[in-house]
Protein backbone atom coordinates (compact mmCIF):
# COMPACT_ATOMS: atom_id res chain seq x y z
CA UNK A 1 17.46 -1.44 4.89
CA UNK A 2 14.34 -3.33 3.79
CA UNK A 3 12.50 -3.09 0.49
CA UNK A 4 9.17 -1.43 -0.16
CA UNK A 5 7.69 -4.92 -0.49
CA UNK A 6 9.01 -5.80 2.97
CA UNK A 7 7.48 -2.63 4.39
CA UNK A 8 4.15 -3.34 2.65
CA UNK A 9 4.08 -6.83 4.13
CA UNK A 10 4.94 -5.49 7.59
CA UNK A 11 2.09 -2.96 7.38
CA UNK A 12 -0.34 -5.67 6.29
CA UNK A 13 0.75 -7.86 9.22
CA UNK A 14 -0.24 -4.96 11.50
CA UNK A 15 -3.71 -5.06 9.94
CA UNK A 16 -3.23 -2.00 7.72
CA UNK A 17 -4.80 -2.53 4.25
CA UNK A 18 -2.37 -1.43 1.54
CA UNK A 19 -2.15 -1.22 -2.27
CA UNK A 20 0.65 -0.35 -4.73
CA UNK A 21 1.01 3.18 -6.15
CA UNK A 22 3.13 4.90 -8.77
CA UNK A 23 5.44 7.78 -7.84
CA UNK A 24 2.71 10.25 -8.89
CA UNK A 25 0.42 8.59 -6.29
CA UNK A 26 -1.84 6.96 -8.90
CA UNK A 27 -2.66 3.33 -8.10
CA UNK A 28 -1.31 0.33 -10.00
CA UNK A 29 -4.60 -1.46 -9.28
CA UNK A 30 -7.87 -0.90 -11.13
CA UNK A 31 -9.79 0.38 -8.12
CA UNK A 32 -7.03 1.97 -6.05
CA UNK A 33 -7.87 2.21 -2.37
CA UNK A 34 -10.85 -0.13 -2.87
CA UNK A 35 -8.32 -2.86 -3.70
CA UNK A 36 -6.37 -2.33 -0.46
CA UNK A 37 -5.81 -5.57 1.42
CA UNK A 38 -3.89 -7.28 4.19
CA UNK A 39 -3.67 -10.48 2.12
CA UNK A 40 0.05 -11.27 2.09
CA UNK A 41 -0.16 -13.41 -1.06
CA UNK A 42 -1.80 -10.59 -3.02
CA UNK A 43 0.74 -8.08 -1.74
CA UNK A 44 3.62 -10.38 -2.79
CA UNK A 45 2.12 -10.59 -6.31
CA UNK A 46 1.70 -6.83 -6.59
CA UNK A 47 5.30 -6.13 -5.62
CA UNK A 48 6.64 -8.91 -7.84
CA UNK A 49 4.93 -7.12 -10.75
CA UNK A 50 5.98 -3.62 -9.59
CA UNK A 51 9.00 -3.92 -7.27
CA UNK A 52 9.48 -0.15 -6.97
CA UNK A 53 5.83 0.60 -6.20
CA UNK A 54 5.12 3.02 -3.39
CA UNK A 55 2.76 1.97 -0.64
CA UNK A 56 -0.80 3.26 -0.57
CA UNK A 57 -2.73 2.86 2.67
CA UNK A 58 -6.49 2.67 3.21
CA UNK A 59 -6.36 5.08 6.13
CA UNK A 60 -10.03 4.74 7.08
CA UNK A 61 -9.96 0.94 7.19
CA UNK A 62 -6.77 1.12 9.25
CA UNK A 63 -8.66 3.28 11.77
CA UNK A 64 -6.26 6.17 11.24
CA UNK A 65 -6.59 9.83 10.45
CA UNK A 66 -4.09 11.82 8.39
CA UNK A 67 -3.44 15.53 8.28
CA UNK A 68 -1.62 16.37 5.04
CA UNK A 69 -0.24 19.90 4.77
CA UNK A 70 1.23 21.00 1.47
CA UNK A 71 3.19 24.27 1.43
């Protein structure tokens, strides 16, 4: 099983801009989704600083659409 950092790097390699988030979904970065990137060096730095960070995705820049249903 890979780490969250490995998954973040894999997503970035697919061209999906990502950023690190806390478990409550708040970003670790100053500007959140605006900081999302596919830059592998930046992603490595983020996950070195916060190895248990969840992965946030800039859905629009990744040309995706999400339907989120909460019960």
